[in-house]
Amino acid sequence: MSALPGFLDPSWLLPETGLASAQVRIASELAAWLVAVRLVDRAEMACSVIEVKVQADRARRHLGERAGCSGSSSRSRAFGHR
């Protein structure tokens, strides 16, 4: 769990935007799954769990900027979200 935030740092994101987006999604889902199946104790690893969420949000913003988007993603717009 403690390695995932580094994996989400912009310097570690894959160069192709679609792949980098998948990287962020998979890392976020992995963190959630590790907590859900109790392989990671949320109380003991609270800082790492929060850091994964923060870094995932930061990585998504970075990808949006890299793709030239401002605000919501094209996927969100396609589904009517803002």
PDB file of N, CA and C in Angstrom:
ATOM      1  N   MET A   1       0.829  -1.191   0.000  1.00  0.00           N
ATOM      2  CA  MET A   1       0.000   0.000   0.000  1.00  0.00           C
ATOM      3  C   MET A   1       0.872   1.253   0.000  1.00  0.00           C
ATOM      4  N   SER A   2       1.933   1.221   0.753  1.00  0.00           N
ATOM      5  CA  SER A   2       2.749   2.423   0.865  1.00  0.00           C
ATOM      6  C   SER A   2       3.531   2.734  -0.410  1.00  0.00           C
ATOM      7  N   ALA A   3       3.649   1.768  -1.333  1.00  0.00           N
ATOM      8  CA  ALA A   3       4.350   2.015  -2.601  1.00  0.00           C
ATOM      9  C   ALA A   3       3.433   2.627  -3.658  1.00  0.00           C
ATOM     10  N   LEU A   4       2.138   2.469  -3.512  1.00  0.00           N
ATOM     11  CA  LEU A   4       1.206   2.932  -4.550  1.00  0.00           C
ATOM     12  C   LEU A   4       1.230   4.437  -4.790  1.00  0.00           C
ATOM     13  N   PRO A   5       1.339   5.280  -3.767  1.00  0.00           N
ATOM     14  CA  PRO A   5       1.377   6.719  -4.062  1.00  0.00           C
ATOM     15  C   PRO A   5       2.524   7.114  -4.993  1.00  0.00           C
ATOM     16  N   GLY A   6       3.687   6.504  -4.821  1.00  0.00           N
ATOM     17  CA  GLY A   6       4.812   6.800  -5.707  1.00  0.00           C
ATOM     18  C   GLY A   6       4.543   6.371  -7.135  1.00  0.00           C
ATOM     19  N   PHE A   7       3.846   5.272  -7.290  1.00  0.00           N
ATOM     20  CA  PHE A   7       3.483   4.754  -8.614  1.00  0.00           C
ATOM     21  C   PHE A   7       2.533   5.718  -9.323  1.00  0.00           C
ATOM     22  N   LEU A   8       1.827   6.551  -8.552  1.00  0.00           N
ATOM     23  CA  LEU A   8       0.875   7.513  -9.113  1.00  0.00           C
ATOM     24  C   LEU A   8       1.472   8.897  -9.314  1.00  0.00           C
ATOM     25  N   ASP A   9       2.734   9.063  -8.965  1.00  0.00           N
ATOM     26  CA  ASP A   9       3.405  10.344  -9.172  1.00  0.00           C
ATOM     27  C   ASP A   9       3.500  10.618 -10.676  1.00  0.00           C
ATOM     28  N   PRO A  10       3.288  11.861 -11.103  1.00  0.00           N
ATOM     29  CA  PRO A  10       3.352  12.172 -12.542  1.00  0.00           C
ATOM     30  C   PRO A  10       4.626  11.689 -13.234  1.00  0.00           C
ATOM     31  N   SER A  11       5.750  11.672 -12.526  1.00  0.00           N
ATOM     32  CA  SER A  11       6.994  11.208 -13.147  1.00  0.00           C
ATOM     33  C   SER A  11       6.984   9.706 -13.433  1.00  0.00           C
ATOM     34  N   TRP A  12       6.069   8.965 -12.796  1.00  0.00           N
ATOM     35  CA  TRP A  12       5.960   7.527 -13.011  1.00  0.00           C
ATOM     36  C   TRP A  12       4.817   7.149 -13.940  1.00  0.00           C
ATOM     37  N   LEU A  13       3.982   8.114 -14.308  1.00  0.00           N
ATOM     38  CA  LEU A  13       2.849   7.799 -15.181  1.00  0.00           C
ATOM     39  C   LEU A  13       3.346   7.426 -16.569  1.00  0.00           C
ATOM     40  N   LEU A  14       2.682   6.466 -17.174  1.00  0.00           N
ATOM     41  CA  LEU A  14       3.041   6.041 -18.516  1.00  0.00           C
ATOM     42  C   LEU A  14       2.862   7.198 -19.492  1.00  0.00           C
ATOM     43  N   PRO A  15       3.650   7.235 -20.561  1.00  0.00           N
ATOM     44  CA  PRO A  15       3.607   8.383 -21.471  1.00  0.00           C
ATOM     45  C   PRO A  15       2.310   8.513 -22.271  1.00  0.00           C
ATOM     46  N   GLU A  16       1.666   7.424 -22.612  1.00  0.00           N
ATOM     47  CA  GLU A  16       0.416   7.474 -23.384  1.00  0.00           C
ATOM     48  C   GLU A  16      -0.735   7.732 -22.415  1.00  0.00           C
ATOM     49  N   THR A  17      -1.548   8.726 -22.704  1.00  0.00           N
ATOM     50  CA  THR A  17      -2.594   9.163 -21.775  1.00  0.00           C
ATOM     51  C   THR A  17      -3.570   8.045 -21.408  1.00  0.00           C
ATOM     52  N   GLY A  18      -3.985   7.254 -22.384  1.00  0.00           N
ATOM     53  CA  GLY A  18      -4.917   6.157 -22.101  1.00  0.00           C
ATOM     54  C   GLY A  18      -4.322   5.133 -21.156  1.00  0.00           C
ATOM     55  N   LEU A  19      -3.070   4.798 -21.370  1.00  0.00           N
ATOM     56  CA  LEU A  19      -2.390   3.843 -20.487  1.00  0.00           C
ATOM     57  C   LEU A  19      -2.173   4.432 -19.102  1.00  0.00           C
ATOM     58  N   ALA A  20      -1.814   5.700 -19.051  1.00  0.00           N
ATOM     59  CA  ALA A  20      -1.619   6.359 -17.756  1.00  0.00           C
ATOM     60  C   ALA A  20      -2.936   6.411 -16.981  1.00  0.00           C
ATOM     61  N   SER A  21      -4.025   6.652 -17.689  1.00  0.00           N
ATOM     62  CA  SER A  21      -5.342   6.667 -17.048  1.00  0.00           C
ATOM     63  C   SER A  21      -5.673   5.291 -16.472  1.00  0.00           C
ATOM     64  N   ALA A  22      -5.365   4.244 -17.221  1.00  0.00           N
ATOM     65  CA  ALA A  22      -5.581   2.881 -16.723  1.00  0.00           C
ATOM     66  C   ALA A  22      -4.695   2.606 -15.513  1.00  0.00           C
ATOM     67  N   GLN A  23      -3.464   3.097 -15.550  1.00  0.00           N
ATOM     68  CA  GLN A  23      -2.539   2.944 -14.436  1.00  0.00           C
ATOM     69  C   GLN A  23      -3.128   3.543 -13.160  1.00  0.00           C
ATOM     70  N   VAL A  24      -3.682   4.733 -13.265  1.00  0.00           N
ATOM     71  CA  VAL A  24      -4.275   5.412 -12.108  1.00  0.00           C
ATOM     72  C   VAL A  24      -5.493   4.632 -11.613  1.00  0.00           C
ATOM     73  N   ARG A  25      -6.332   4.215 -12.542  1.00  0.00           N
ATOM     74  CA  ARG A  25      -7.548   3.478 -12.170  1.00  0.00           C
ATOM     75  C   ARG A  25      -7.198   2.158 -11.481  1.00  0.00           C
ATOM     76  N   ILE A  26      -6.248   1.429 -12.025  1.00  0.00           N
ATOM     77  CA  ILE A  26      -5.876   0.129 -11.454  1.00  0.00           C
ATOM     78  C   ILE A  26      -5.249   0.296 -10.071  1.00  0.00           C
ATOM     79  N   ALA A  27      -4.374   1.273  -9.914  1.00  0.00           N
ATOM     80  CA  ALA A  27      -3.752   1.506  -8.608  1.00  0.00           C
ATOM     81  C   ALA A  27      -4.804   1.885  -7.568  1.00  0.00           C
ATOM     82  N   SER A  28      -5.760   2.722  -7.957  1.00  0.00           N
ATOM     83  CA  SER A  28      -6.834   3.125  -7.041  1.00  0.00           C
ATOM     84  C   SER A  28      -7.708   1.939  -6.666  1.00  0.00           C
ATOM     85  N   GLU A  29      -8.059   1.140  -7.671  1.00  0.00           N
ATOM     86  CA  GLU A  29      -8.899  -0.031  -7.404  1.00  0.00           C
ATOM     87  C   GLU A  29      -8.158  -1.077  -6.584  1.00  0.00           C
ATOM     88  N   LEU A  30      -6.866  -1.226  -6.824  1.00  0.00           N
ATOM     89  CA  LEU A  30      -6.065  -2.158  -6.024  1.00  0.00           C
ATOM     90  C   LEU A  30      -6.059  -1.740  -4.557  1.00  0.00           C
ATOM     91  N   ALA A  31      -5.849  -0.467  -4.310  1.00  0.00           N
ATOM     92  CA  ALA A  31      -5.847   0.034  -2.931  1.00  0.00           C
ATOM     93  C   ALA A  31      -7.198  -0.227  -2.265  1.00  0.00           C
ATOM     94  N   ALA A  32      -8.281   0.073  -2.974  1.00  0.00           N
ATOM     95  CA  ALA A  32      -9.624  -0.152  -2.418  1.00  0.00           C
ATOM     96  C   ALA A  32      -9.858  -1.637  -2.145  1.00  0.00           C
ATOM     97  N   TRP A  33      -9.415  -2.480  -3.059  1.00  0.00           N
ATOM     98  CA  TRP A  33      -9.598  -3.921  -2.895  1.00  0.00           C
ATOM     99  C   TRP A  33      -8.799  -4.441  -1.705  1.00  0.00           C
ATOM    100  N   LEU A  34      -7.559  -3.991  -1.555  1.00  0.00           N
ATOM    101  CA  LEU A  34      -6.729  -4.436  -0.439  1.00  0.00           C
ATOM    102  C   LEU A  34      -7.388  -4.115   0.908  1.00  0.00           C
ATOM    103  N   VAL A  35      -8.032  -2.964   0.977  1.00  0.00           N
ATOM    104  CA  VAL A  35      -8.739  -2.590   2.204  1.00  0.00           C
ATOM    105  C   VAL A  35     -10.019  -3.412   2.346  1.00  0.00           C
ATOM    106  N   ALA A  36     -10.760  -3.560   1.250  1.00  0.00           N
ATOM    107  CA  ALA A  36     -12.051  -4.271   1.291  1.00  0.00           C
ATOM    108  C   ALA A  36     -11.906  -5.724   1.723  1.00  0.00           C
ATOM    109  N   VAL A  37     -10.865  -6.395   1.265  1.00  0.00           N
ATOM    110  CA  VAL A  37     -10.677  -7.801   1.635  1.00  0.00           C
ATOM    111  C   VAL A  37      -9.820  -7.953   2.889  1.00  0.00           C
ATOM    112  N   ARG A  38      -9.524  -6.836   3.513  1.00  0.00           N
ATOM    113  CA  ARG A  38      -8.815  -6.778   4.791  1.00  0.00           C
ATOM    114  C   ARG A  38      -7.383  -7.320   4.733  1.00  0.00           C
ATOM    115  N   LEU A  39      -6.758  -7.182   3.569  1.00  0.00           N
ATOM    116  CA  LEU A  39      -5.335  -7.479   3.490  1.00  0.00           C
ATOM    117  C   LEU A  39      -4.532  -6.297   4.021  1.00  0.00           C
ATOM    118  N   VAL A  40      -5.181  -5.135   4.043  1.00  0.00           N
ATOM    119  CA  VAL A  40      -4.595  -3.925   4.616  1.00  0.00           C
ATOM    120  C   VAL A  40      -5.585  -3.411   5.654  1.00  0.00           C
ATOM    121  N   ASP A  41      -5.097  -3.168   6.851  1.00  0.00           N
ATOM    122  CA  ASP A  41      -5.929  -2.614   7.912  1.00  0.00           C
ATOM    123  C   ASP A  41      -6.019  -1.105   7.720  1.00  0.00           C
ATOM    124  N   ARG A  42      -7.234  -0.634   7.466  1.00  0.00           N
ATOM    125  CA  ARG A  42      -7.442   0.790   7.195  1.00  0.00           C
ATOM    126  C   ARG A  42      -6.942   1.659   8.350  1.00  0.00           C
ATOM    127  N   ALA A  43      -7.139   1.224   9.578  1.00  0.00           N
ATOM    128  CA  ALA A  43      -6.719   2.019  10.733  1.00  0.00           C
ATOM    129  C   ALA A  43      -5.198   2.103  10.822  1.00  0.00           C
ATOM    130  N   GLU A  44      -4.522   0.979  10.601  1.00  0.00           N
ATOM    131  CA  GLU A  44      -3.065   0.956  10.700  1.00  0.00           C
ATOM    132  C   GLU A  44      -2.405   1.662   9.525  1.00  0.00           C
ATOM    133  N   MET A  45      -3.037   1.632   8.370  1.00  0.00           N
ATOM    134  CA  MET A  45      -2.445   2.198   7.154  1.00  0.00           C
ATOM    135  C   MET A  45      -3.212   3.435   6.670  1.00  0.00           C
ATOM    136  N   ALA A  46      -3.868   4.128   7.594  1.00  0.00           N
ATOM    137  CA  ALA A  46      -4.713   5.264   7.226  1.00  0.00           C
ATOM    138  C   ALA A  46      -3.966   6.303   6.397  1.00  0.00           C
ATOM    139  N   CYS A  47      -2.759   6.614   6.780  1.00  0.00           N
ATOM    140  CA  CYS A  47      -1.992   7.629   6.033  1.00  0.00           C
ATOM    141  C   CYS A  47      -1.739   7.180   4.603  1.00  0.00           C
ATOM    142  N   SER A  48      -1.364   5.925   4.417  1.00  0.00           N
ATOM    143  CA  SER A  48      -1.117   5.417   3.069  1.00  0.00           C
ATOM    144  C   SER A  48      -2.393   5.360   2.246  1.00  0.00           C
ATOM    145  N   VAL A  49      -3.497   4.964   2.870  1.00  0.00           N
ATOM    146  CA  VAL A  49      -4.780   4.912   2.153  1.00  0.00           C
ATOM    147  C   VAL A  49      -5.161   6.311   1.676  1.00  0.00           C
ATOM    148  N   ILE A  50      -5.038   7.286   2.551  1.00  0.00           N
ATOM    149  CA  ILE A  50      -5.354   8.671   2.184  1.00  0.00           C
ATOM    150  C   ILE A  50      -4.390   9.171   1.110  1.00  0.00           C
ATOM    151  N   GLU A  51      -3.122   8.838   1.256  1.00  0.00           N
ATOM    152  CA  GLU A  51      -2.128   9.292   0.291  1.00  0.00           C
ATOM    153  C   GLU A  51      -2.400   8.717  -1.105  1.00  0.00           C
ATOM    154  N   VAL A  52      -2.862   7.472  -1.185  1.00  0.00           N
ATOM    155  CA  VAL A  52      -3.219   6.882  -2.480  1.00  0.00           C
ATOM    156  C   VAL A  52      -4.351   7.684  -3.114  1.00  0.00           C
ATOM    157  N   LYS A  53      -5.361   8.012  -2.323  1.00  0.00           N
ATOM    158  CA  LYS A  53      -6.490   8.791  -2.852  1.00  0.00           C
ATOM    159  C   LYS A  53      -6.042  10.167  -3.332  1.00  0.00           C
ATOM    160  N   VAL A  54      -5.219  10.836  -2.535  1.00  0.00           N
ATOM    161  CA  VAL A  54      -4.738  12.167  -2.899  1.00  0.00           C
ATOM    162  C   VAL A  54      -3.890  12.106  -4.166  1.00  0.00           C
ATOM    163  N   GLN A  55      -2.970  11.152  -4.231  1.00  0.00           N
ATOM    164  CA  GLN A  55      -2.107  11.030  -5.409  1.00  0.00           C
ATOM    165  C   GLN A  55      -2.902  10.641  -6.651  1.00  0.00           C
ATOM    166  N   ALA A  56      -3.934   9.800  -6.494  1.00  0.00           N
ATOM    167  CA  ALA A  56      -4.771   9.429  -7.637  1.00  0.00           C
ATOM    168  C   ALA A  56      -5.505  10.658  -8.164  1.00  0.00           C
ATOM    169  N   ASP A  57      -6.035  11.471  -7.266  1.00  0.00           N
ATOM    170  CA  ASP A  57      -6.705  12.713  -7.693  1.00  0.00           C
ATOM    171  C   ASP A  57      -5.720  13.642  -8.395  1.00  0.00           C
ATOM    172  N   ARG A  58      -4.531  13.767  -7.838  1.00  0.00           N
ATOM    173  CA  ARG A  58      -3.493  14.614  -8.434  1.00  0.00           C
ATOM    174  C   ARG A  58      -3.099  14.087  -9.816  1.00  0.00           C
ATOM    175  N   ALA A  59      -2.958  12.777  -9.936  1.00  0.00           N
ATOM    176  CA  ALA A  59      -2.592  12.174 -11.224  1.00  0.00           C
ATOM    177  C   ALA A  59      -3.689  12.399 -12.262  1.00  0.00           C
ATOM    178  N   ARG A  60      -4.954  12.286 -11.838  1.00  0.00           N
ATOM    179  CA  ARG A  60      -6.070  12.533 -12.774  1.00  0.00           C
ATOM    180  C   ARG A  60      -6.059  13.986 -13.257  1.00  0.00           C
ATOM    181  N   ARG A  61      -5.810  14.916 -12.349  1.00  0.00           N
ATOM    182  CA  ARG A  61      -5.709  16.326 -12.753  1.00  0.00           C
ATOM    183  C   ARG A  61      -4.550  16.524 -13.721  1.00  0.00           C
ATOM    184  N   HIS A  62      -3.427  15.908 -13.431  1.00  0.00           N
ATOM    185  CA  HIS A  62      -2.256  16.009 -14.298  1.00  0.00           C
ATOM    186  C   HIS A  62      -2.578  15.459 -15.693  1.00  0.00           C
ATOM    187  N   LEU A  63      -3.261  14.339 -15.742  1.00  0.00           N
ATOM    188  CA  LEU A  63      -3.623  13.755 -17.035  1.00  0.00           C
ATOM    189  C   LEU A  63      -4.582  14.658 -17.792  1.00  0.00           C
ATOM    190  N   GLY A  64      -5.499  15.281 -17.075  1.00  0.00           N
ATOM    191  CA  GLY A  64      -6.420  16.217 -17.713  1.00  0.00           C
ATOM    192  C   GLY A  64      -5.685  17.401 -18.304  1.00  0.00           C
ATOM    193  N   GLU A  65      -4.721  17.911 -17.565  1.00  0.00           N
ATOM    194  CA  GLU A  65      -3.913  19.033 -18.060  1.00  0.00           C
ATOM    195  C   GLU A  65      -3.061  18.597 -19.244  1.00  0.00           C
ATOM    196  N   ARG A  66      -2.504  17.398 -19.147  1.00  0.00           N
ATOM    197  CA  ARG A  66      -1.658  16.870 -20.215  1.00  0.00           C
ATOM    198  C   ARG A  66      -2.460  16.674 -21.503  1.00  0.00           C
ATOM    199  N   ALA A  67      -3.710  16.306 -21.358  1.00  0.00           N
ATOM    200  CA  ALA A  67      -4.562  16.085 -22.526  1.00  0.00           C
ATOM    201  C   ALA A  67      -5.168  17.390 -23.027  1.00  0.00           C
ATOM    202  N   GLY A  68      -4.926  18.486 -22.305  1.00  0.00           N
ATOM    203  CA  GLY A  68      -5.452  19.780 -22.716  1.00  0.00           C
ATOM    204  C   GLY A  68      -6.883  20.019 -22.283  1.00  0.00           C
ATOM    205  N   CYS A  69      -7.341  19.221 -21.334  1.00  0.00           N
ATOM    206  CA  CYS A  69      -8.706  19.387 -20.825  1.00  0.00           C
ATOM    207  C   CYS A  69      -8.696  20.368 -19.665  1.00  0.00           C
ATOM    208  N   SER A  70      -9.802  21.032 -19.482  1.00  0.00           N
ATOM    209  CA  SER A  70      -9.957  21.862 -18.291  1.00  0.00           C
ATOM    210  C   SER A  70     -11.239  21.443 -17.603  1.00  0.00           C
ATOM    211  N   GLY A  71     -11.139  21.129 -16.327  1.00  0.00           N
ATOM    212  CA  GLY A  71     -12.321  20.717 -15.582  1.00  0.00           C
ATOM    213  C   GLY A  71     -12.557  19.228 -15.705  1.00  0.00           C
ATOM    214  N   SER A  72     -13.729  18.839 -16.202  1.00  0.00           N
ATOM    215  CA  SER A  72     -14.107  17.441 -16.227  1.00  0.00           C
ATOM    216  C   SER A  72     -13.519  16.726 -17.433  1.00  0.00           C
ATOM    217  N   SER A  73     -13.431  15.428 -17.323  1.00  0.00           N
ATOM    218  CA  SER A  73     -12.887  14.628 -18.410  1.00  0.00           C
ATOM    219  C   SER A  73     -13.919  14.429 -19.502  1.00  0.00           C
ATOM    220  N   SER A  74     -13.455  14.042 -20.689  1.00  0.00           N
ATOM    221  CA  SER A  74     -14.376  13.795 -21.790  1.00  0.00           C
ATOM    222  C   SER A  74     -15.284  12.625 -21.474  1.00  0.00           C
ATOM    223  N   ARG A  75     -14.787  11.648 -20.712  1.00  0.00           N
ATOM    224  CA  ARG A  75     -15.624  10.506 -20.325  1.00  0.00           C
ATOM    225  C   ARG A  75     -16.769  10.978 -19.438  1.00  0.00           C
ATOM    226  N   SER A  76     -16.468  11.863 -18.488  1.00  0.00           N
ATOM    227  CA  SER A  76     -17.517  12.391 -17.619  1.00  0.00           C
ATOM    228  C   SER A  76     -18.544  13.172 -18.436  1.00  0.00           C
ATOM    229  N   ARG A  77     -18.062  13.977 -19.380  1.00  0.00           N
ATOM    230  CA  ARG A  77     -18.990  14.738 -20.210  1.00  0.00           C
ATOM    231  C   ARG A  77     -19.861  13.807 -21.043  1.00  0.00           C
ATOM    232  N   ALA A  78     -19.304  12.703 -21.507  1.00  0.00           N
ATOM    233  CA  ALA A  78     -20.064  11.759 -22.319  1.00  0.00           C
ATOM    234  C   ALA A  78     -21.223  11.170 -21.539  1.00  0.00           C
ATOM    235  N   PHE A  79     -21.068  11.038 -20.219  1.00  0.00           N
ATOM    236  CA  PHE A  79     -22.117  10.500 -19.390  1.00  0.00           C
ATOM    237  C   PHE A  79     -22.949  11.569 -18.700  1.00  0.00           C
ATOM    238  N   GLY A  80     -22.752  12.805 -19.104  1.00  0.00           N
ATOM    239  CA  GLY A  80     -23.556  13.892 -18.567  1.00  0.00           C
ATOM    240  C   GLY A  80     -23.098  14.403 -17.215  1.00  0.00           C
ATOM    241  N   HIS A  81     -21.901  14.033 -16.762  1.00  0.00           N
ATOM    242  CA  HIS A  81     -21.386  14.515 -15.488  1.00  0.00           C
ATOM    243  C   HIS A  81     -20.551  15.766 -15.705  1.00  0.00           C
ATOM    244  N   ARG A  82     -20.514  16.610 -14.712  1.00  0.00           N
ATOM    245  CA  ARG A  82     -19.709  17.831 -14.776  1.00  0.00           C
ATOM    246  C   ARG A  82     -18.776  17.911 -13.611  1.00  0.00           C
TER     247      ARG A  82
END
